Amino acid sequence: MPIIVNLDIMLTKRKMRSNELAEIIDITPANLSILKSGKAKAVRFSTLEAICKALDCQPADILEYVED
């Protein structure tokens, strides 16, 4: 898949656990896990905004396009 999700990298940089982020952005840990694994088919802008706010980052820090 040409879209890479770098959420684990940002969580590590911010010294935050997945469960903590899930609680802050008000989604289930299971849904966050699906997003982190790159298996999500879509991401709501409101969710992306909440992630960026919680991790103090930009969408490009989380999502990366890599050509096949």
C-alpha atoms as a PDB file:
ATOM      1  CA  MET A   1       0.000   0.000   0.000  1.00  0.00           C
ATOM      2  CA  PRO A   2       1.497   3.354  -0.973  1.00  0.00           C
ATOM      3  CA  ILE A   3       0.280   5.185   2.176  1.00  0.00           C
ATOM      4  CA  ILE A   4       2.455   4.444   5.198  1.00  0.00           C
ATOM      5  CA  VAL A   5       1.179   5.228   8.708  1.00  0.00           C
ATOM      6  CA  ASN A   6       4.013   6.406  10.974  1.00  0.00           C
ATOM      7  CA  LEU A   7       1.924   6.713  14.121  1.00  0.00           C
ATOM      8  CA  ASP A   8       4.226   4.403  16.114  1.00  0.00           C
ATOM      9  CA  ILE A   9       7.167   6.681  15.343  1.00  0.00           C
ATOM     10  CA  MET A  10       5.310   9.759  16.596  1.00  0.00           C
ATOM     11  CA  LEU A  11       4.123   7.948  19.716  1.00  0.00           C
ATOM     12  CA  THR A  12       7.720   6.978  20.481  1.00  0.00           C
ATOM     13  CA  LYS A  13       8.980  10.523  19.895  1.00  0.00           C
ATOM     14  CA  ARG A  14       6.324  11.893  22.247  1.00  0.00           C
ATOM     15  CA  LYS A  15       6.869   9.085  24.799  1.00  0.00           C
ATOM     16  CA  MET A  16       3.173   8.260  24.713  1.00  0.00           C
ATOM     17  CA  ARG A  17       1.467   4.875  24.800  1.00  0.00           C
ATOM     18  CA  SER A  18      -1.241   3.848  22.350  1.00  0.00           C
ATOM     19  CA  ASN A  19      -3.841   3.455  25.088  1.00  0.00           C
ATOM     20  CA  GLU A  20      -3.125   6.960  26.343  1.00  0.00           C
ATOM     21  CA  LEU A  21      -3.561   8.430  22.854  1.00  0.00           C
ATOM     22  CA  ALA A  22      -6.766   6.438  22.306  1.00  0.00           C
ATOM     23  CA  GLU A  23      -8.190   7.882  25.516  1.00  0.00           C
ATOM     24  CA  ILE A  24      -7.158  11.446  24.653  1.00  0.00           C
ATOM     25  CA  ILE A  25      -8.674  11.340  21.164  1.00  0.00           C
ATOM     26  CA  ASP A  26     -11.708   9.323  22.315  1.00  0.00           C
ATOM     27  CA  ILE A  27     -11.450   6.244  20.106  1.00  0.00           C
ATOM     28  CA  THR A  28     -11.155   2.609  21.102  1.00  0.00           C
ATOM     29  CA  PRO A  29      -7.696   1.077  21.420  1.00  0.00           C
ATOM     30  CA  ALA A  30      -8.805  -1.496  18.819  1.00  0.00           C
ATOM     31  CA  ASN A  31      -9.607   1.210  16.262  1.00  0.00           C
ATOM     32  CA  LEU A  32      -6.307   2.952  16.978  1.00  0.00           C
ATOM     33  CA  SER A  33      -4.535  -0.356  16.441  1.00  0.00           C
ATOM     34  CA  ILE A  34      -6.211  -0.745  13.040  1.00  0.00           C
ATOM     35  CA  LEU A  35      -5.056   2.740  12.110  1.00  0.00           C
ATOM     36  CA  LYS A  36      -1.493   2.118  13.351  1.00  0.00           C
ATOM     37  CA  SER A  37      -1.212  -1.122  11.397  1.00  0.00           C
ATOM     38  CA  GLY A  38      -2.167   0.608   8.150  1.00  0.00           C
ATOM     39  CA  LYS A  39      -5.234  -1.597   7.721  1.00  0.00           C
ATOM     40  CA  ALA A  40      -7.721   1.271   8.031  1.00  0.00           C
ATOM     41  CA  LYS A  41      -9.553   2.049   4.797  1.00  0.00           C
ATOM     42  CA  ALA A  42     -10.222   5.658   5.798  1.00  0.00           C
ATOM     43  CA  VAL A  43      -9.431   8.237   8.469  1.00  0.00           C
ATOM     44  CA  ARG A  44     -11.821  11.001   9.452  1.00  0.00           C
ATOM     45  CA  PHE A  45     -10.328  14.460   9.376  1.00  0.00           C
ATOM     46  CA  SER A  46     -11.634  14.992  12.908  1.00  0.00           C
ATOM     47  CA  THR A  47      -9.644  11.941  14.066  1.00  0.00           C
ATOM     48  CA  LEU A  48      -6.540  13.074  12.213  1.00  0.00           C
ATOM     49  CA  GLU A  49      -6.926  16.539  13.732  1.00  0.00           C
ATOM     50  CA  ALA A  50      -7.255  15.077  17.239  1.00  0.00           C
ATOM     51  CA  ILE A  51      -4.154  12.914  16.728  1.00  0.00           C
ATOM     52  CA  CYS A  52      -2.146  15.895  15.492  1.00  0.00           C
ATOM     53  CA  LYS A  53      -3.293  18.011  18.417  1.00  0.00           C
ATOM     54  CA  ALA A  54      -2.493  15.294  20.980  1.00  0.00           C
ATOM     55  CA  LEU A  55       0.944  14.580  19.486  1.00  0.00           C
ATOM     56  CA  ASP A  56       1.734  18.195  18.547  1.00  0.00           C
ATOM     57  CA  CYS A  57       2.528  17.258  14.965  1.00  0.00           C
ATOM     58  CA  GLN A  58       1.409  17.701  11.362  1.00  0.00           C
ATOM     59  CA  PRO A  59      -0.516  15.149   9.242  1.00  0.00           C
ATOM     60  CA  ALA A  60       2.641  14.593   7.177  1.00  0.00           C
ATOM     61  CA  ASP A  61       4.398  13.392  10.338  1.00  0.00           C
ATOM     62  CA  ILE A  62       1.849  10.573  10.554  1.00  0.00           C
ATOM     63  CA  LEU A  63       0.993   9.763   6.926  1.00  0.00           C
ATOM     64  CA  GLU A  64       3.542   9.210   4.184  1.00  0.00           C
ATOM     65  CA  TYR A  65       3.079   8.443   0.485  1.00  0.00           C
ATOM     66  CA  VAL A  66       5.534   5.930  -0.986  1.00  0.00           C
ATOM     67  CA  GLU A  67       5.277   4.976  -4.641  1.00  0.00           C
ATOM     68  CA  ASP A  68       4.946   1.252  -5.357  1.00  0.00           C
END
